[in-house]
Amino acid sequence: MQIEIRKKGPETAILISFDTNTESFKSPYERNKFFSELHGRKQIVINQSGRYVYHRPGLMDEIPHIDVDRSVFIVAMEHMKRMEEFFHDWQKNVMFKTFPVLLSREEAEELKEEE
């Protein structure tokens, strides 16, 4: 059976799966830094004037994606180079794999709507 990919049919994207090697991080701070750079983080500042909550953005705030599981997500092909660069910077601590996937038109639109 041969699958034909057409412009109006399914679109190809990349599924990324990663796994952290907890023991290879120098400290819990370094592991948290990885996740903060990827997903962003919430910062709470409390002072005499009140309590302020800020969201510090991560890479996934900038790149449209579809979450599949905690460490699995799908991105459009056009963002793959940026994802590879990010994971390359963490290669001593994080193993990642990529798989091409076919998306329905609706799923592909979901990636474009988030842009």
N, C-alpha and C. Protein backbone atom coordinates (compact mmCIF):
# COMPACT_ATOMS: atom_id res chain seq x y z
N MET A 1 0.84 -1.18 0.00
CA MET A 1 0.00 0.00 0.00
C MET A 1 0.88 1.24 0.00
N GLN A 2 0.58 2.18 -0.86
CA GLN A 2 1.36 3.39 -0.97
C GLN A 2 0.51 4.56 -0.51
N ILE A 3 1.09 5.42 0.34
CA ILE A 3 0.38 6.60 0.83
C ILE A 3 0.81 7.78 0.00
N GLU A 4 -0.15 8.48 -0.52
CA GLU A 4 0.12 9.67 -1.32
C GLU A 4 -0.19 10.91 -0.48
N ILE A 5 0.79 11.80 -0.38
CA ILE A 5 0.60 13.03 0.39
C ILE A 5 0.30 14.15 -0.59
N ARG A 6 -0.86 14.73 -0.42
CA ARG A 6 -1.27 15.84 -1.28
C ARG A 6 -1.38 17.12 -0.47
N LYS A 7 -1.38 18.22 -1.15
CA LYS A 7 -1.46 19.53 -0.52
C LYS A 7 -2.72 19.65 0.34
N LYS A 8 -3.87 19.14 -0.17
CA LYS A 8 -5.12 19.28 0.55
C LYS A 8 -5.37 18.13 1.52
N GLY A 9 -4.55 17.13 1.51
CA GLY A 9 -4.73 15.97 2.37
C GLY A 9 -3.96 16.11 3.66
N PRO A 10 -3.51 14.98 4.21
CA PRO A 10 -2.74 15.02 5.46
C PRO A 10 -1.44 15.81 5.29
N GLU A 11 -1.01 16.42 6.38
CA GLU A 11 0.24 17.17 6.36
C GLU A 11 1.24 16.50 7.29
N THR A 12 2.51 16.57 6.94
CA THR A 12 3.56 15.95 7.74
C THR A 12 4.03 16.92 8.81
N ALA A 13 4.21 16.40 10.01
CA ALA A 13 4.75 17.16 11.13
C ALA A 13 5.74 16.23 11.84
N ILE A 14 6.29 16.71 12.94
CA ILE A 14 7.28 15.92 13.68
C ILE A 14 6.80 15.70 15.11
N LEU A 15 6.80 14.44 15.51
CA LEU A 15 6.53 14.09 16.90
C LEU A 15 7.88 14.01 17.61
N ILE A 16 8.00 14.70 18.72
CA ILE A 16 9.25 14.71 19.50
C ILE A 16 8.97 14.05 20.84
N SER A 17 9.81 13.10 21.19
CA SER A 17 9.73 12.43 22.48
C SER A 17 11.08 12.61 23.16
N PHE A 18 11.05 12.98 24.45
CA PHE A 18 12.32 13.14 25.15
C PHE A 18 12.27 12.47 26.51
N ASP A 19 13.45 12.14 27.01
CA ASP A 19 13.59 11.51 28.32
C ASP A 19 14.78 12.15 29.01
N THR A 20 14.59 12.55 30.25
CA THR A 20 15.70 13.15 31.00
C THR A 20 16.43 12.07 31.78
N ASN A 21 17.73 12.21 31.86
CA ASN A 21 18.55 11.34 32.69
C ASN A 21 18.83 12.12 33.97
N THR A 22 18.00 11.92 34.98
CA THR A 22 18.05 12.70 36.21
C THR A 22 19.44 12.70 36.84
N GLU A 23 20.12 11.58 36.80
CA GLU A 23 21.44 11.48 37.44
C GLU A 23 22.51 12.32 36.74
N SER A 24 22.30 12.63 35.48
CA SER A 24 23.33 13.37 34.75
C SER A 24 23.27 14.88 34.99
N PHE A 25 22.18 15.37 35.55
CA PHE A 25 22.12 16.80 35.89
C PHE A 25 22.98 17.05 37.12
N LYS A 26 23.67 18.19 37.13
CA LYS A 26 24.56 18.52 38.24
C LYS A 26 23.79 18.77 39.53
N SER A 27 22.54 19.26 39.38
CA SER A 27 21.74 19.60 40.56
C SER A 27 20.27 19.68 40.16
N PRO A 28 19.37 19.69 41.15
CA PRO A 28 17.95 19.90 40.82
C PRO A 28 17.72 21.25 40.12
N TYR A 29 18.53 22.25 40.47
CA TYR A 29 18.42 23.55 39.81
C TYR A 29 18.64 23.42 38.30
N GLU A 30 19.66 22.66 37.90
CA GLU A 30 19.95 22.50 36.47
C GLU A 30 18.81 21.77 35.76
N ARG A 31 18.24 20.76 36.40
CA ARG A 31 17.10 20.04 35.81
C ARG A 31 15.90 20.98 35.67
N ASN A 32 15.64 21.77 36.70
CA ASN A 32 14.54 22.74 36.64
C ASN A 32 14.79 23.77 35.54
N LYS A 33 16.04 24.14 35.35
CA LYS A 33 16.38 25.10 34.30
C LYS A 33 16.01 24.55 32.92
N PHE A 34 16.29 23.26 32.69
CA PHE A 34 15.91 22.63 31.43
C PHE A 34 14.41 22.77 31.19
N PHE A 35 13.62 22.36 32.19
CA PHE A 35 12.17 22.41 32.02
C PHE A 35 11.65 23.85 31.92
N SER A 36 12.26 24.78 32.62
CA SER A 36 11.86 26.19 32.52
C SER A 36 12.15 26.74 31.13
N GLU A 37 13.31 26.41 30.59
CA GLU A 37 13.64 26.88 29.24
C GLU A 37 12.73 26.27 28.19
N LEU A 38 12.27 25.05 28.43
CA LEU A 38 11.39 24.39 27.47
C LEU A 38 9.94 24.85 27.63
N HIS A 39 9.40 24.77 28.83
CA HIS A 39 7.97 25.03 29.05
C HIS A 39 7.66 26.40 29.65
N GLY A 40 8.67 27.11 30.12
CA GLY A 40 8.41 28.35 30.85
C GLY A 40 8.18 28.03 32.31
N ARG A 41 7.93 29.07 33.09
CA ARG A 41 7.71 28.85 34.51
C ARG A 41 6.87 29.98 35.09
N LYS A 42 6.28 29.70 36.23
CA LYS A 42 5.52 30.72 36.94
C LYS A 42 6.40 31.27 38.05
N GLN A 43 6.47 32.58 38.13
CA GLN A 43 7.26 33.22 39.19
C GLN A 43 6.30 34.01 40.07
N ILE A 44 6.42 33.81 41.38
CA ILE A 44 5.59 34.53 42.33
C ILE A 44 6.49 35.45 43.15
N VAL A 45 6.15 36.73 43.14
CA VAL A 45 6.92 37.72 43.90
C VAL A 45 5.99 38.29 44.96
N ILE A 46 6.42 38.19 46.21
CA ILE A 46 5.63 38.73 47.32
C ILE A 46 6.46 39.82 47.98
N ASN A 47 5.85 41.00 48.07
CA ASN A 47 6.51 42.09 48.78
C ASN A 47 5.47 42.86 49.58
N GLN A 48 5.84 43.98 50.12
CA GLN A 48 4.91 44.75 50.96
C GLN A 48 3.71 45.26 50.18
N SER A 49 3.86 45.45 48.90
CA SER A 49 2.76 45.97 48.07
C SER A 49 1.75 44.90 47.69
N GLY A 50 2.13 43.64 47.77
CA GLY A 50 1.21 42.58 47.40
C GLY A 50 1.92 41.36 46.83
N ARG A 51 1.10 40.54 46.21
CA ARG A 51 1.59 39.30 45.62
C ARG A 51 1.42 39.40 44.11
N TYR A 52 2.50 39.18 43.38
CA TYR A 52 2.48 39.30 41.93
C TYR A 52 2.88 37.96 41.30
N VAL A 53 2.15 37.56 40.28
CA VAL A 53 2.44 36.31 39.59
C VAL A 53 2.80 36.64 38.14
N TYR A 54 3.94 36.12 37.71
CA TYR A 54 4.42 36.36 36.36
C TYR A 54 4.63 35.02 35.67
N HIS A 55 4.40 34.99 34.38
CA HIS A 55 4.75 33.81 33.60
C HIS A 55 6.01 34.14 32.82
N ARG A 56 7.06 33.39 33.07
CA ARG A 56 8.31 33.54 32.32
C ARG A 56 8.26 32.54 31.17
N PRO A 57 8.20 33.03 29.93
CA PRO A 57 7.99 32.13 28.79
C PRO A 57 9.17 31.21 28.52
N GLY A 58 8.84 30.06 27.95
CA GLY A 58 9.82 29.08 27.50
C GLY A 58 9.67 28.89 26.00
N LEU A 59 10.47 28.00 25.46
CA LEU A 59 10.47 27.75 24.02
C LEU A 59 9.09 27.32 23.51
N MET A 60 8.40 26.49 24.27
CA MET A 60 7.10 25.99 23.83
C MET A 60 6.02 27.07 23.84
N ASP A 61 6.28 28.19 24.47
CA ASP A 61 5.35 29.33 24.38
C ASP A 61 5.49 30.02 23.03
N GLU A 62 6.63 29.85 22.39
CA GLU A 62 6.90 30.51 21.11
C GLU A 62 6.59 29.62 19.91
N ILE A 63 6.61 28.31 20.12
CA ILE A 63 6.44 27.37 19.00
C ILE A 63 5.07 26.70 19.12
N PRO A 64 4.24 26.82 18.10
CA PRO A 64 2.95 26.12 18.12
C PRO A 64 3.18 24.62 18.19
N HIS A 65 2.42 23.94 19.04
CA HIS A 65 2.61 22.51 19.22
C HIS A 65 1.31 21.86 19.69
N ILE A 66 1.29 20.55 19.59
CA ILE A 66 0.19 19.75 20.12
C ILE A 66 0.79 18.85 21.19
N ASP A 67 0.32 18.98 22.42
CA ASP A 67 0.79 18.10 23.49
C ASP A 67 0.19 16.72 23.31
N VAL A 68 1.04 15.71 23.43
CA VAL A 68 0.59 14.32 23.35
C VAL A 68 0.66 13.69 24.74
N ASP A 69 1.76 13.95 25.44
CA ASP A 69 1.98 13.42 26.78
C ASP A 69 2.97 14.36 27.46
N ARG A 70 3.37 14.06 28.69
CA ARG A 70 4.27 14.95 29.43
C ARG A 70 5.55 15.27 28.67
N SER A 71 6.13 14.30 28.03
CA SER A 71 7.40 14.53 27.34
C SER A 71 7.29 14.20 25.85
N VAL A 72 6.08 14.35 25.31
CA VAL A 72 5.85 14.06 23.89
C VAL A 72 4.96 15.16 23.32
N PHE A 73 5.39 15.72 22.19
CA PHE A 73 4.59 16.76 21.55
C PHE A 73 4.86 16.76 20.05
N ILE A 74 3.99 17.44 19.31
CA ILE A 74 4.12 17.51 17.85
C ILE A 74 4.32 18.96 17.46
N VAL A 75 5.28 19.19 16.55
CA VAL A 75 5.53 20.53 16.01
C VAL A 75 5.51 20.46 14.48
N ALA A 76 5.29 21.59 13.86
CA ALA A 76 5.35 21.67 12.41
C ALA A 76 6.80 21.51 11.97
N MET A 77 6.97 21.00 10.76
CA MET A 77 8.32 20.78 10.20
C MET A 77 9.17 22.04 10.26
N GLU A 78 8.54 23.18 10.04
CA GLU A 78 9.30 24.43 9.98
C GLU A 78 9.96 24.80 11.30
N HIS A 79 9.54 24.20 12.41
CA HIS A 79 10.12 24.51 13.72
C HIS A 79 11.12 23.47 14.20
N MET A 80 11.33 22.45 13.39
CA MET A 80 12.18 21.35 13.82
C MET A 80 13.63 21.77 14.06
N LYS A 81 14.17 22.62 13.23
CA LYS A 81 15.56 23.05 13.40
C LYS A 81 15.76 23.72 14.76
N ARG A 82 14.83 24.54 15.15
CA ARG A 82 14.92 25.23 16.44
C ARG A 82 14.84 24.23 17.60
N MET A 83 13.97 23.22 17.46
CA MET A 83 13.86 22.20 18.50
C MET A 83 15.14 21.39 18.60
N GLU A 84 15.72 21.02 17.45
CA GLU A 84 16.98 20.27 17.46
C GLU A 84 18.09 21.06 18.14
N GLU A 85 18.16 22.35 17.87
CA GLU A 85 19.17 23.20 18.50
C GLU A 85 19.00 23.21 20.01
N PHE A 86 17.75 23.34 20.47
CA PHE A 86 17.49 23.34 21.91
C PHE A 86 17.94 22.03 22.54
N PHE A 87 17.50 20.90 21.98
CA PHE A 87 17.86 19.61 22.57
C PHE A 87 19.35 19.31 22.43
N HIS A 88 19.98 19.82 21.40
CA HIS A 88 21.43 19.65 21.24
C HIS A 88 22.16 20.30 22.42
N ASP A 89 21.68 21.47 22.86
CA ASP A 89 22.30 22.15 24.00
C ASP A 89 22.21 21.33 25.29
N TRP A 90 21.24 20.43 25.38
CA TRP A 90 21.02 19.61 26.57
C TRP A 90 21.35 18.14 26.34
N GLN A 91 22.12 17.82 25.31
CA GLN A 91 22.33 16.44 24.92
C GLN A 91 22.99 15.57 25.99
N LYS A 92 23.72 16.15 26.92
CA LYS A 92 24.36 15.35 27.97
C LYS A 92 23.35 14.88 29.01
N ASN A 93 22.20 15.56 29.08
CA ASN A 93 21.22 15.26 30.11
C ASN A 93 19.89 14.73 29.58
N VAL A 94 19.65 14.95 28.29
CA VAL A 94 18.34 14.62 27.73
C VAL A 94 18.51 13.87 26.42
N MET A 95 17.78 12.77 26.29
CA MET A 95 17.77 12.03 25.04
C MET A 95 16.45 12.35 24.34
N PHE A 96 16.51 12.64 23.04
CA PHE A 96 15.26 12.89 22.33
C PHE A 96 15.24 12.13 21.02
N LYS A 97 14.03 11.80 20.59
CA LYS A 97 13.81 11.10 19.34
C LYS A 97 12.74 11.85 18.57
N THR A 98 12.82 11.75 17.25
CA THR A 98 11.81 12.40 16.41
C THR A 98 11.21 11.37 15.46
N PHE A 99 9.95 11.58 15.16
CA PHE A 99 9.23 10.68 14.26
C PHE A 99 8.34 11.52 13.36
N PRO A 100 8.37 11.30 12.05
CA PRO A 100 7.43 12.02 11.18
C PRO A 100 6.02 11.47 11.41
N VAL A 101 5.05 12.34 11.44
CA VAL A 101 3.65 11.94 11.61
C VAL A 101 2.79 12.66 10.58
N LEU A 102 1.70 12.02 10.21
CA LEU A 102 0.74 12.64 9.31
C LEU A 102 -0.39 13.21 10.14
N LEU A 103 -0.71 14.45 9.88
CA LEU A 103 -1.78 15.13 10.59
C LEU A 103 -2.97 15.32 9.66
N SER A 104 -4.14 15.27 10.22
CA SER A 104 -5.33 15.61 9.45
C SER A 104 -5.30 17.13 9.22
N ARG A 105 -6.13 17.59 8.34
CA ARG A 105 -6.19 19.03 8.09
C ARG A 105 -6.51 19.79 9.38
N GLU A 106 -7.44 19.24 10.16
CA GLU A 106 -7.84 19.91 11.40
C GLU A 106 -6.66 20.02 12.38
N GLU A 107 -5.91 18.94 12.50
CA GLU A 107 -4.74 18.96 13.40
C GLU A 107 -3.67 19.92 12.89
N ALA A 108 -3.46 19.94 11.60
CA ALA A 108 -2.48 20.86 11.01
C ALA A 108 -2.91 22.31 11.24
N GLU A 109 -4.20 22.57 11.13
CA GLU A 109 -4.71 23.92 11.40
C GLU A 109 -4.49 24.31 12.86
N GLU A 110 -4.59 23.33 13.75
CA GLU A 110 -4.35 23.59 15.17
C GLU A 110 -2.93 24.13 15.38
N LEU A 111 -1.96 23.58 14.66
CA LEU A 111 -0.58 24.07 14.77
C LEU A 111 -0.47 25.47 14.21
N LYS A 112 -1.20 25.77 13.16
CA LYS A 112 -1.13 27.09 12.55
C LYS A 112 -1.89 28.13 13.38
N GLU A 113 -3.00 27.75 14.01
CA GLU A 113 -3.80 28.69 14.80
C GLU A 113 -3.04 29.22 15.98
N GLU A 114 -2.15 28.42 16.53
CA GLU A 114 -1.41 28.84 17.73
C GLU A 114 -0.33 29.86 17.41
N GLU A 115 0.01 30.03 16.15
CA GLU A 115 1.10 30.94 15.77
C GLU A 115 0.75 32.38 16.06
